[in-house]
Protein backbone atom coordinates (compact mmCIF):
# COMPACT_ATOMS: atom_id res chain seq x y z
CA HIS A 1 8.87 -3.95 -4.70
CA LEU A 2 7.44 -6.62 -2.45
CA VAL A 3 5.10 -5.74 0.36
CA ARG A 4 4.58 -8.84 2.40
CA GLU A 5 3.02 -9.99 5.61
CA ALA A 6 3.68 -13.34 7.32
CA GLY A 7 0.56 -15.44 7.35
CA ARG A 8 -0.74 -18.52 9.22
CA ALA A 9 0.54 -21.85 7.87
CA CYS A 10 -1.63 -24.94 7.48
CA ALA A 11 0.86 -27.55 8.69
CA ASP A 12 2.06 -28.34 12.20
CA ASP A 13 5.67 -27.97 11.24
CA ALA A 14 5.14 -24.74 9.21
CA ASP A 15 7.20 -21.59 9.89
CA PRO A 16 4.86 -18.57 9.20
CA ASP A 17 7.80 -16.26 8.97
CA ALA A 18 9.83 -18.34 6.56
CA VAL A 19 7.96 -17.97 3.35
CA SER A 20 7.98 -14.17 3.35
CA PRO A 21 11.82 -13.72 3.59
CA GLY A 22 12.05 -16.64 1.24
CA ALA A 23 9.94 -14.84 -1.35
CA SER A 24 11.65 -11.57 -0.67
CA LYS A 25 15.04 -13.13 -1.41
CA ILE A 26 13.87 -14.59 -4.68
CA LEU A 27 12.44 -11.19 -5.66
CA GLN A 28 15.82 -9.46 -5.00
CA THR A 29 16.82 -10.82 -8.41
CA PRO A 30 15.09 -9.23 -11.35
CA ILE A 31 13.07 -11.92 -13.09
CA SER A 32 10.30 -9.90 -14.82
CA ARG A 33 8.83 -6.46 -14.99
CA VAL A 34 5.28 -7.91 -15.05
CA PRO A 35 4.08 -7.87 -11.31
CA ALA A 36 1.85 -10.98 -11.69
CA THR A 37 4.62 -12.87 -13.35
CA VAL A 38 6.94 -12.00 -10.53
CA LEU A 39 4.51 -13.34 -8.00
CA GLU A 40 3.96 -16.54 -9.97
CA LEU A 41 7.68 -17.25 -10.43
CA ALA A 42 8.43 -16.44 -6.76
CA HIS A 43 5.67 -18.76 -5.54
CA ALA A 44 7.03 -21.55 -7.76
CA ARG A 45 10.51 -21.03 -6.26
CA VAL A 46 8.99 -21.22 -2.76
CA ILE A 47 7.43 -24.57 -3.67
CA GLU A 48 10.56 -25.80 -5.31
CA GLU A 49 12.59 -24.96 -2.22
CA ASN A 50 9.89 -26.41 0.05
CA VAL A 51 9.44 -23.25 2.12
CA VAL A 52 6.35 -24.05 4.25
CA GLY A 53 4.19 -21.08 5.12
CA SER A 54 2.06 -18.31 3.61
CA CYS A 55 1.92 -14.70 3.01
CA THR A 56 0.02 -11.86 1.36
CA ALA A 57 1.99 -10.06 -1.40
CA ASN A 58 1.93 -6.76 -3.28
CA VAL A 59 4.30 -6.28 -6.15
CA ALA A 60 4.56 -2.94 -8.07
CA VAL A 61 6.64 -1.57 -10.89
CA PHE A 62 6.97 2.08 -11.88
CA ASP A 63 6.83 2.68 -15.62
CA GLY A 64 8.41 5.99 -16.18
CA MET A 65 7.84 5.88 -19.93
CA ARG A 66 4.06 5.48 -19.57
CA GLN A 67 3.74 7.36 -16.31
CA GLN A 68 2.05 4.39 -14.74
CA VAL A 69 2.41 2.08 -11.78
CA HIS A 70 1.65 -1.55 -12.60
CA PHE A 71 0.82 -3.80 -9.62
CA ALA A 72 -0.37 -7.26 -8.56
CA ASN A 73 -1.91 -7.48 -5.17
CA LEU A 74 -2.96 -10.68 -3.38
CA GLY A 75 -4.62 -10.34 0.00
CA ASP A 76 -5.21 -7.34 2.21
CA SER A 77 -2.14 -5.27 1.47
CA GLY A 78 -2.82 -2.23 -0.71
CA ILE A 79 -1.61 0.68 -2.85
CA ILE A 80 -2.97 4.17 -2.69
CA VAL A 81 -2.15 7.23 -4.75
CA LEU A 82 -2.47 10.78 -3.28
CA ARG A 83 -2.79 13.85 -5.51
CA HIS A 84 -3.54 17.54 -5.18
CA ILE A 85 -6.80 18.09 -7.00
CA ASP A 86 -8.39 21.55 -6.87
CA SER A 87 -11.74 22.40 -8.27
CA ASP A 88 -10.28 23.74 -11.53
CA VAL A 89 -8.86 20.31 -12.53
CA ALA A 90 -11.04 17.96 -10.58
CA GLY A 91 -13.84 17.27 -13.00
CA ALA A 92 -17.28 16.11 -12.01
CA LEU A 93 -16.17 12.64 -10.71
CA LYS A 94 -13.38 13.91 -8.53
CA ARG A 95 -14.85 17.08 -7.07
CA ASP A 96 -14.88 17.58 -3.32
CA THR A 97 -18.58 17.10 -2.34
CA THR A 98 -18.09 17.55 1.39
CA THR A 99 -16.35 20.96 1.84
CA PRO A 100 -17.04 24.15 -0.02
CA ARG A 101 -13.91 25.37 -1.77
CA PRO A 102 -13.31 28.60 0.39
CA LEU A 103 -13.45 26.43 3.55
CA ARG A 104 -10.98 23.69 2.41
CA GLN A 105 -7.63 23.52 4.32
CA SER A 106 -6.12 21.34 1.56
CA ASP A 107 -6.65 20.04 -1.91
CA LEU A 108 -4.70 16.70 -1.32
CA ARG A 109 -6.88 13.71 -1.83
CA VAL A 110 -6.83 10.03 -2.38
CA THR A 111 -7.22 9.48 -6.09
CA PHE A 112 -6.79 5.72 -6.23
CA VAL A 113 -7.23 2.74 -3.72
CA SER A 114 -6.54 -0.79 -4.81
CA ALA A 115 -8.94 -3.61 -4.00
CA GLN A 116 -8.28 -5.85 -1.12
CA GLN A 117 -9.08 -9.68 -1.39
CA LEU A 118 -10.41 -11.60 1.58
CA ARG A 119 -12.27 -14.88 1.96
CA SER A 120 -13.96 -13.51 5.03
CA PHE A 121 -13.35 -10.91 7.66
CA ASN A 122 -9.57 -10.96 8.72
CA HIS A 123 -8.92 -13.90 6.35
CA PRO A 124 -7.08 -12.48 3.36
CA PHE A 125 -6.11 -14.37 0.27
CA GLN A 126 -2.54 -15.71 0.60
CA LEU A 127 0.18 -17.47 -1.37
CA GLY A 128 1.05 -20.55 0.56
CA TRP A 129 2.69 -23.88 0.64
CA THR A 130 2.01 -26.76 3.15
CA GLY A 131 4.67 -29.07 1.84
CA ARG A 132 2.17 -30.84 -0.44
CA GLU A 133 -0.20 -29.88 -3.14
CA VAL A 134 -3.65 -28.81 -1.84
CA ALA A 135 -6.63 -29.32 -4.09
CA TRP A 136 -8.64 -26.05 -4.10
CA SER A 137 -12.13 -25.08 -4.98
CA GLU A 138 -14.42 -22.13 -4.52
CA ASP A 139 -16.16 -23.91 -1.65
CA ASP A 140 -13.03 -24.52 0.33
CA GLU A 141 -12.36 -22.65 3.51
CA THR A 142 -8.73 -22.17 2.82
CA SER A 143 -7.30 -18.69 2.06
CA PHE A 144 -4.67 -20.10 -0.30
CA ARG A 145 -4.81 -18.74 -3.79
CA ARG A 146 -2.78 -18.85 -6.97
CA ALA A 147 -0.65 -15.89 -8.05
CA SER A 148 -2.86 -15.61 -11.12
CA GLU A 149 -5.79 -14.69 -8.89
CA SER A 150 -4.08 -11.58 -7.72
CA CYS A 151 -5.72 -8.17 -8.32
CA CYS A 152 -3.74 -6.80 -11.27
CA SER A 153 -4.00 -3.20 -12.61
CA SER A 154 -2.24 -0.09 -13.72
CA VAL A 155 -2.74 3.41 -12.40
CA GLN A 156 -1.70 6.61 -14.10
CA VAL A 157 0.54 8.80 -11.93
CA ARG A 158 1.35 12.43 -12.39
CA ARG A 159 4.12 14.70 -11.19
CA GLY A 160 3.74 15.51 -7.52
CA ASP A 161 1.75 12.31 -6.66
CA VAL A 162 2.62 10.31 -3.52
CA VAL A 163 2.21 6.49 -4.02
CA LEU A 164 2.08 4.34 -0.92
CA LEU A 165 2.38 0.54 -0.77
CA ALA A 166 1.52 -0.97 2.56
CA THR A 167 0.44 -4.11 4.44
CA ASP A 168 -2.82 -4.11 6.43
CA GLY A 169 -0.78 -3.22 9.47
CA LEU A 170 -1.17 0.39 8.25
CA PHE A 171 -4.67 0.36 6.89
CA ASP A 172 -6.12 -1.54 9.96
CA ASN A 173 -4.77 1.07 12.34
CA VAL A 174 -4.61 4.40 10.47
CA GLU A 175 -7.69 5.96 8.78
CA ILE A 176 -7.27 7.01 5.16
CA ASP A 177 -8.00 10.66 6.09
CA ASP A 178 -5.28 10.51 8.75
CA ILE A 179 -2.84 9.12 6.19
CA VAL A 180 -3.74 12.19 3.90
CA ASP A 181 -3.07 14.50 6.85
CA ILE A 182 0.34 12.87 7.55
CA VAL A 183 1.35 13.16 3.90
CA LEU A 184 0.33 16.71 3.73
CA GLU A 185 2.20 17.67 6.82
CA TRP A 186 5.24 15.93 5.39
CA GLU A 187 4.92 17.77 2.12
CA GLU A 188 4.66 21.10 3.88
CA ARG A 189 7.41 20.41 6.28
CA HIS A 190 9.79 19.74 3.31
CA GLY A 191 8.56 22.66 1.22
CA PHE A 192 7.04 20.50 -1.54
CA VAL A 193 3.68 22.47 -1.20
CA GLU A 194 2.54 25.47 0.82
CA ASP A 195 -0.65 26.32 2.63
CA GLY A 196 -2.19 22.89 1.74
CA ASN A 197 -2.27 23.43 -2.05
CA ALA A 198 -0.06 22.98 -5.02
CA THR A 199 -0.20 26.51 -6.51
CA GLY A 200 3.36 27.44 -5.49
CA ARG A 201 4.65 24.04 -6.50
CA THR A 202 3.58 24.59 -10.15
CA ASP A 203 5.50 27.94 -10.13
CA ARG A 204 8.50 26.22 -8.74
CA TRP A 205 8.36 23.54 -11.46
CA LEU A 206 8.23 26.19 -14.16
CA ARG A 207 11.41 27.63 -12.80
CA GLY A 208 12.99 24.12 -13.26
CA ASN A 209 13.19 23.27 -9.52
CA SER A 210 11.74 19.82 -8.80
CA LYS A 211 13.36 19.53 -5.27
CA ARG A 212 14.48 16.04 -6.34
CA ALA A 213 17.35 15.82 -3.86
CA GLU A 214 15.14 16.89 -1.00
CA SER A 215 12.58 14.31 -2.04
CA LEU A 216 15.12 11.43 -2.08
CA ARG A 217 16.10 12.42 1.51
CA ALA A 218 12.60 12.88 2.83
CA VAL A 219 10.65 9.87 1.36
CA PRO A 220 12.14 7.33 3.93
CA GLU A 221 10.96 9.66 6.65
CA LEU A 222 7.45 9.62 5.39
CA ALA A 223 7.37 5.81 5.26
CA GLN A 224 8.76 5.67 8.76
CA GLN A 225 6.28 8.18 10.11
CA LEU A 226 3.32 6.16 8.71
CA CYS A 227 4.74 2.96 10.28
CA GLN A 228 5.25 4.76 13.65
CA ARG A 229 1.72 6.10 13.68
CA ALA A 230 0.34 2.60 12.87
CA ARG A 231 2.36 1.17 15.72
CA GLU A 232 1.07 3.87 18.21
CA ASN A 233 -2.47 3.30 17.13
CA SER A 234 -2.16 -0.49 17.28
CA LEU A 235 -1.28 -0.23 20.92
CA ASP A 236 -3.97 2.29 21.83
CA GLY A 237 -6.79 0.50 23.63
CA ALA A 238 -8.82 3.61 24.12
CA LYS A 239 -9.66 4.47 20.51
CA ASP A 240 -11.23 2.16 18.03
CA SER A 241 -9.03 1.50 14.94
CA PRO A 242 -10.45 0.91 11.40
CA PHE A 243 -9.97 -2.78 12.21
CA ALA A 244 -12.05 -2.58 15.41
CA ILE A 245 -14.87 -0.71 13.66
CA LEU A 246 -14.98 -3.34 10.89
CA ALA A 247 -14.87 -6.05 13.53
CA LYS A 248 -17.92 -4.81 15.25
CA GLU A 249 -19.64 -4.61 11.82
CA ASN A 250 -19.02 -8.38 11.71
CA ASP A 251 -20.36 -8.98 15.21
CA ILE A 252 -16.85 -9.35 16.67
CA MET A 253 -16.25 -7.51 19.91
CA TRP A 254 -12.88 -5.92 19.43
CA SER A 255 -11.75 -2.55 20.76
CA GLY A 256 -8.71 -0.32 20.24
CA GLY A 257 -5.93 -1.00 17.79
CA MET A 258 -4.83 -4.09 15.93
CA PRO A 259 -1.13 -5.09 16.91
CA ASP A 260 0.40 -6.24 13.70
CA ASP A 261 3.69 -6.01 11.73
CA CYS A 262 3.70 -3.07 9.18
CA THR A 263 5.61 -2.52 5.96
CA VAL A 264 5.20 0.77 4.07
CA ILE A 265 6.95 1.71 0.73
CA ALA A 266 6.63 5.40 -0.27
CA MET A 267 7.16 6.93 -3.69
CA HIS A 268 7.23 10.56 -4.53
CA ILE A 269 6.95 11.45 -8.27
CA VAL A 270 8.87 14.74 -8.62
CA GLY A 271 10.14 14.75 -12.31
CA SER A 272 13.56 15.86 -13.41
CA SER A 273 15.19 19.12 -12.49
CA SER A 274 17.00 21.65 -14.54
CA GLN A 275 18.73 23.08 -11.47
């Protein structure tokens, strides 16, 4: 999967929207199952076809055999994994330290957040091409980077996890806690969990019912709901967004949301069903 965002080009005749569709078109043809290699080959094709522009990118591959998601992320897009973790399976490192167990309304938590890469505030690393080779060093002010410099990792996933890949259009406008609330409401609305926890879900799995068909129908709705919330928040001038709060921390007077394009890919790990 490619999560991309059009960036700012460095040439007068650059088309900032051209490189992302160009890279997306290239990635429609399977060329590798190694995310970093996919980015590298796609960037090479962009240069070969002289597509001027730049973009952030996030490529992920689900490995069902190893139960892992492998990804390569360059820039300020991201991948997060949400999981129901109650005290009996949390362990010391994952325990909820803020709310006593009897008072918790849900055991859904973010168990993984990928690293974002920025040169400075609001200047994410990008893959880019100006029409000519650009000599790059650590001291340069350019945000252009090589695909080999992407943040590459693998994260273990479990049955029931929700995996989200998204551009900063989501994370700049929707707090992580609000994303968790939206995912939980989606799970409850479609009957994947009840009363904010996964106890009933485990019983359902033991009966051989994974609700796989329901998940296939419902996952696009979750991605759309997250995009819609990001859009609403981005146009809200009365409430500071995560972007606005971070801007103020960098001595930039910004209030309200951050209007931006937004791409969200949602994955729900449900397992096979015997029914």
